[in-house]
Every structure is written in structure tokens, then in C-alpha cells.
Protein backbone atom coordinates (compact mmCIF):
# COMPACT_ATOMS: atom_id res chain seq x y z
CA MET A 1 84.63 87.05 99.87
CA ARG A 2 86.37 88.00 96.89
CA ILE A 3 87.13 91.42 95.15
CA ARG A 4 86.34 91.58 91.86
CA GLN A 5 87.57 94.81 91.03
CA VAL A 6 90.14 97.70 92.82
CA THR A 7 89.27 101.16 91.86
CA TYR A 8 91.35 102.80 94.36
CA ILE A 9 94.50 102.10 95.92
CA GLU A 10 96.70 104.12 98.39
CA PRO A 11 99.86 103.20 100.10
CA GLN A 12 101.13 105.10 103.18
CA ARG A 13 98.01 107.15 103.35
CA THR A 14 97.78 109.62 106.07
CA VAL A 15 94.34 110.31 107.69
CA LYS A 16 93.18 112.93 110.05
CA SER A 17 90.16 113.04 112.35
CA GLY A 18 90.13 116.52 113.39
CA PHE A 19 92.25 120.03 113.57
CA GLU A 20 94.13 118.86 116.42
CA ALA A 21 93.42 115.00 116.23
CA LYS A 22 96.29 112.55 116.09
CA GLY A 23 97.24 111.58 112.77
CA VAL A 24 96.96 108.22 111.28
CA ARG A 25 99.35 106.85 108.73
CA LEU A 26 97.78 103.76 106.94
CA ASP A 27 100.04 101.14 105.35
CA LEU A 28 97.75 100.30 102.51
CA TYR A 29 94.08 101.62 101.74
CA VAL A 30 92.07 100.05 99.04
CA GLU A 31 88.58 100.60 97.76
CA ASP A 32 86.74 98.29 95.78
CA GLU A 33 84.16 98.76 92.83
CA ASN A 34 81.55 98.73 95.51
CA GLY A 35 83.10 101.62 97.46
CA VAL A 36 84.08 98.88 100.14
CA ILE A 37 87.18 100.55 102.21
CA TYR A 38 90.01 98.06 102.90
CA ASN A 39 92.59 99.34 105.39
CA VAL A 40 95.54 96.49 106.01
CA GLU A 41 98.41 97.14 108.10
CA VAL A 42 101.29 94.60 108.99
CA GLN A 43 102.14 94.59 112.95
CA THR A 44 105.58 93.09 113.48
CA THR A 45 105.83 94.06 117.48
CA ARG A 46 103.43 93.31 120.12
CA HIS A 47 101.02 96.20 121.24
CA ARG A 48 99.06 96.26 124.31
CA SER A 49 96.38 98.77 122.68
CA LEU A 50 95.59 96.80 119.52
CA PRO A 51 91.78 96.52 119.75
CA LYS A 52 91.53 100.28 120.71
CA ARG A 53 94.05 100.90 117.94
CA MET A 54 91.95 99.44 115.44
CA ARG A 55 89.10 101.54 116.73
CA TYR A 56 90.85 104.66 116.50
CA TYR A 57 91.89 103.73 112.70
CA GLN A 58 88.20 102.97 112.29
CA SER A 59 87.06 106.25 113.60
CA ALA A 60 89.59 108.21 111.46
CA ILE A 61 88.98 106.52 108.03
CA ASP A 62 84.91 107.27 108.75
CA MET A 63 85.60 111.01 109.62
CA ASN A 64 88.01 110.97 106.31
CA VAL A 65 84.82 109.64 104.27
CA LEU A 66 81.88 111.61 105.88
CA SER A 67 81.99 115.58 104.27
CA PRO A 68 80.38 117.75 107.07
CA GLY A 69 76.40 117.71 106.94
CA ALA A 70 76.52 114.57 104.85
CA ASP A 71 73.75 111.72 106.02
CA TYR A 72 75.57 109.03 108.26
CA ALA A 73 73.98 106.58 105.69
CA ARG A 74 76.84 107.53 103.58
CA LEU A 75 79.35 105.80 105.79
CA ARG A 76 80.62 102.84 103.78
CA LYS A 77 81.53 99.08 104.91
CA SER A 78 84.93 98.95 106.07
CA PHE A 79 87.26 96.31 107.15
CA ILE A 80 90.33 96.95 109.63
CA ILE A 81 92.95 94.15 108.78
CA PHE A 82 95.92 93.64 110.74
CA ILE A 83 98.25 91.09 109.96
CA CYS A 84 100.39 90.05 112.89
CA ASN A 85 103.40 87.91 113.35
CA HIS A 86 102.30 86.93 116.75
CA ASP A 87 98.83 85.92 118.64
CA PRO A 88 97.35 88.49 120.35
CA TYR A 89 94.71 86.42 121.87
CA GLY A 90 96.66 83.17 122.73
CA ARG A 91 94.04 81.25 121.00
CA ASP A 92 96.33 79.70 117.79
CA ARG A 93 93.70 80.84 115.65
CA ILE A 94 94.78 81.86 112.10
CA VAL A 95 92.15 84.42 111.72
CA TYR A 96 90.42 86.56 114.58
CA ARG A 97 87.15 87.91 112.75
CA PHE A 98 85.01 90.66 115.00
CA GLU A 99 81.72 92.17 113.91
CA ASN A 100 79.37 94.25 116.23
CA ARG A 101 76.52 92.07 117.31
CA CYS A 102 73.64 91.85 120.17
CA ILE A 103 74.99 90.16 123.21
CA GLU A 104 71.42 89.11 124.10
CA GLU A 105 70.79 87.82 120.82
CA PRO A 106 74.26 86.70 119.21
CA GLU A 107 72.35 86.32 115.42
CA LEU A 108 71.36 89.80 115.51
CA PRO A 109 73.99 92.38 113.84
CA PHE A 110 74.21 95.62 115.11
CA GLY A 111 74.31 96.99 111.31
CA ASN A 112 77.27 99.62 111.43
CA GLU A 113 79.21 97.61 108.61
CA THR A 114 82.59 97.75 110.24
CA VAL A 115 84.55 94.33 110.36
CA LYS A 116 87.70 94.19 112.21
CA VAL A 117 90.27 91.26 111.06
CA ILE A 118 93.47 89.97 112.75
CA VAL A 119 95.73 87.78 111.14
CA ASN A 120 98.06 85.82 113.01
CA THR A 121 101.07 84.25 110.81
CA LYS A 122 101.64 81.94 113.43
CA GLY A 123 98.22 80.32 113.97
CA THR A 124 97.52 76.96 113.05
CA ALA A 125 93.50 76.54 114.00
CA GLY A 126 91.15 76.98 111.65
CA ALA A 127 90.19 76.72 108.19
CA VAL A 128 91.46 79.42 105.50
CA ASN A 129 91.71 79.27 101.62
CA ASP A 130 94.73 78.19 99.54
CA GLU A 131 95.56 82.04 98.74
CA LEU A 132 95.46 83.24 102.15
CA GLN A 133 97.63 80.46 103.36
CA GLU A 134 99.99 81.16 100.82
CA VAL A 135 100.41 85.07 101.72
CA ILE A 136 100.75 83.90 104.99
CA ARG A 137 103.42 81.73 104.34
CA TYR A 138 105.02 84.26 102.46
CA LEU A 139 104.81 86.86 105.15
CA ASP A 140 105.82 84.82 108.23
CA SER A 141 108.79 82.95 106.39
CA GLY A 142 109.57 84.74 102.86
CA THR A 143 108.81 81.36 101.08
CA VAL A 144 107.32 81.69 97.78
CA SER A 145 105.13 79.04 97.38
CA GLY A 146 102.86 79.49 94.35
CA ASP A 147 102.04 82.13 91.98
CA PHE A 148 100.30 84.55 94.06
CA SER A 149 103.25 84.90 96.44
CA ARG A 150 105.75 85.15 93.55
CA GLU A 151 103.83 88.07 92.05
CA LEU A 152 103.68 89.25 95.69
CA GLU A 153 107.36 89.07 95.91
CA ASP A 154 108.08 90.48 92.40
CA ALA A 155 106.01 93.65 93.79
CA ILE A 156 108.03 94.01 96.81
CA ASN A 157 111.36 93.74 94.65
CA HIS A 158 110.14 96.48 92.53
CA VAL A 159 109.02 99.01 95.42
CA LYS A 160 112.40 98.27 97.10
CA SER A 161 114.13 98.99 94.02
CA SER A 162 112.08 102.27 93.24
CA GLU A 163 112.55 102.94 97.03
CA GLU A 164 116.65 102.71 96.75
CA ARG A 165 116.99 104.69 93.41
CA ARG A 166 114.73 107.55 94.95
CA HIS A 167 116.86 107.64 98.00
CA GLU A 168 120.03 107.55 95.86
CA TYR A 169 118.34 110.63 93.79
CA MET A 170 117.71 112.50 96.90
CA ILE A 171 121.12 112.17 97.79
CA MET A 172 122.64 113.33 94.58
CA MET A 173 120.36 116.07 94.72
CA LEU A 174 121.41 117.42 98.25
CA ARG A 175 125.26 116.93 97.22
CA GLU A 176 124.48 118.89 94.31
CA GLN A 177 123.01 121.70 96.40
CA GLU A 178 126.22 121.48 98.43
CA LEU A 179 128.59 121.92 94.98
CA LEU A 180 126.56 124.80 94.17
CA GLU A 181 126.95 126.36 97.82
CA LYS A 182 130.49 125.86 97.18
CA GLY A 183 130.76 127.58 94.11
CA ARG A 184 129.13 130.52 95.54
CA GLU A 185 131.52 130.56 98.20
CA GLU A 186 134.75 130.18 95.99
CA GLY A 187 133.13 132.69 93.52
CA ARG A 188 132.56 135.06 96.34
CA VAL A 189 136.06 134.63 97.36
CA GLU A 190 137.66 135.17 93.98
CA GLY A 191 135.32 138.29 93.56
CA CYS A 192 137.00 139.84 96.86
CA LYS A 193 140.56 138.74 95.98
CA LYS A 194 139.71 140.52 92.45
CA GLY A 195 138.48 143.49 94.33
CA ARG A 196 141.54 143.93 96.64
CA GLU A 197 143.90 143.41 93.88
CA GLU A 198 142.33 146.23 91.85
CA GLY A 199 142.25 148.39 94.98
CA ARG A 200 139.04 150.06 94.42
CA VAL A 201 135.59 149.90 96.16
CA GLU A 202 133.93 149.34 92.45
CA GLY A 203 136.16 146.84 91.91
CA ARG A 204 135.42 144.79 95.17
CA VAL A 205 131.84 145.01 94.73
CA GLU A 206 132.03 144.28 90.78
CA GLY A 207 134.45 141.46 91.21
CA ARG A 208 132.40 139.93 94.24
CA GLU A 209 129.00 139.98 91.96
CA GLN A 210 130.88 138.56 88.86
CA GLY A 211 132.70 136.00 90.89
CA ILE A 212 129.60 134.78 92.40
CA VAL A 213 127.72 134.83 89.20
CA GLU A 214 130.23 133.20 87.24
CA GLY A 215 130.76 130.56 89.82
CA VAL A 216 127.39 129.51 90.23
CA GLN A 217 126.49 129.52 86.72
CA LYS A 218 129.55 127.53 85.42
CA GLY A 219 128.86 124.89 88.32
CA GLU A 220 125.25 124.70 87.79
CA ALA A 221 125.66 124.29 84.08
CA ARG A 222 128.51 121.91 83.90
CA LEU A 223 126.94 119.78 86.73
CA ALA A 224 123.56 119.53 85.18
CA VAL A 225 124.67 118.35 81.72
CA LEU A 226 126.82 116.00 83.17
CA PHE A 227 123.82 114.28 85.35
CA GLY A 228 121.75 114.55 82.42
CA HIS A 229 124.14 112.54 80.47
CA LEU A 230 124.54 109.90 83.01
CA LEU A 231 120.94 109.89 83.57
CA SER A 232 119.82 109.18 79.75
CA LEU A 233 122.24 106.54 79.69
CA GLY A 234 121.07 104.77 82.72
CA ARG A 235 124.36 105.35 84.78
CA GLU A 236 122.96 106.11 88.04
CA GLN A 237 125.49 104.89 90.25
CA ASP A 238 128.51 106.85 88.25
CA ALA A 239 126.16 110.01 88.97
CA VAL A 240 125.79 109.60 92.55
CA ARG A 241 129.64 108.56 92.83
CA ALA A 242 130.72 111.70 90.72
CA VAL A 243 128.93 113.99 93.44
CA SER A 244 131.45 112.83 96.15
CA ASP A 245 134.32 111.89 93.86
CA PRO A 246 136.07 114.87 92.34
CA GLU A 247 138.54 112.90 90.46
CA TYR A 248 135.99 110.44 89.12
CA ARG A 249 133.96 113.61 88.24
CA ARG A 250 136.80 114.98 86.56
CA GLN A 251 137.15 111.67 84.49
CA LEU A 252 133.27 111.70 83.69
CA TYR A 253 133.47 115.09 82.08
CA SER A 254 136.89 113.85 79.95
CA GLU A 255 134.72 111.06 78.92
CA LEU A 256 131.74 112.88 77.86
CA ASN A 257 133.53 115.67 76.45
CA LEU A 258 132.11 118.17 78.70
């Protein structure tokens, strides 16, 4: 079976089959041009209840697809695919495919259009096409053996790079918030000091409020300008370092005439 076109793809999709039901976080959720659903999971640890886990994933997807009151005929064909780095059945097969059929009449399908597939990257029995074999080899050992696995590796490296950059931005923003809080505290202390020196209640209130405002505004404005310059220049690493290194931050202020 070949998919001609993917019309919808969503990594790390979360589905829930009921108000108090256990949520399911899907590794990869894909729909093709015919509305067929594919859920792909990568299983790197042995799981005693793998078949029942696949059953629950199937039910969660069905509940997520079917609107309240809709006809059951609107349920779509679906494939639940688990890629495992171990053999859950010990038969050395590369692919285990399961469909519901009549026990008394094995050639008679149940007709619910659900398919469960387990791919065993350690298996040797059974014939698979070259592309699947290439993917299995890559997932099992990281070996790039053709154009498809090379595209897969490039996509993974791109995602890793994006995740690392997103993580850096998150750290940068958290530390920026810490600096702003520090600016507020320094402004409050300076305002109290100014009020005490003037010896008047009005001076304490005014000094405290003015110190807070000035400290926050000055810290926010200068830091925001610095980050804006660094990010526009593609210097994300410098921005991250500037957050935790005051001396380096002062150097950057001087370098960029801020």
C-alpha cells in the first residue's frame, strides 16, 4: 500500500476519549487524501500490555473523530503502527499485521476497517519492500543507506536543531524575567532609601514608586533592545550568554552602542 498524498500531519497529538478518561499523546498522527488515519508510535522499551495499549489508542482516536450523535459509518479506516526495537511475539518476523476476522471463517473480515501493525526492527523473517527495509535499518542502527533514510535523517536533524533553539529561547526568556524581577527589587530598595533620606512619608512613597518604575523601565528597554539586535544578527548564543554573564552583557552593550 502506498499513500499518494498526506493531507494532514500532526506530531505529538493529544487525544482524550472522555471527560475523565486517560489522555493519549500520539507520537505521529497522519491523514491521507482518502481520510485514512495513521497513528505511528516508536516503542523503545518492552511493554507487557502492548496489544491492549494499541486497543486503547484505537478507541481514543475513534472517539476523537466521531462527533456526538454522528453515524458510526463516519468512522474512518485507521492503522495503528508501533515500531519496536524488540520482538514482542518472539517469532522473528519483521512485520506483524493484525485485522479482525471470523474465527470460523478466516477469509471473512469483520469489516471495522481497523488495522494494527507492529514493526520489529530486529526481525529477519518475512519479505518487506526496499523502502521499509531502509527505514528499519536506519531506526535500528542509524545507518543511512539511501535517499529515503537520508531525507529522514535530515528531517530529524532539523527538528533537533529547532527544539534546541526553542529550548534556548525558553531559558533566555526565563532569565530575562529574573532580571526584570531583580530590577524591580533594586528599584524598590533605591526608592525606600531615597524616601528615608528625605525623611518624609511622601518621599518614601514617591521614591519607592519612582524607583520601581525607573528600574523596570530601564531594565526592560535596554535588555529588549540588546536581544532584538542580537537575534536580528543571528547571534542567539550571545543572547543566551548575555543573560547569565553580566560582564559579557556590558561588553555587548558597548559593542552595539547601547
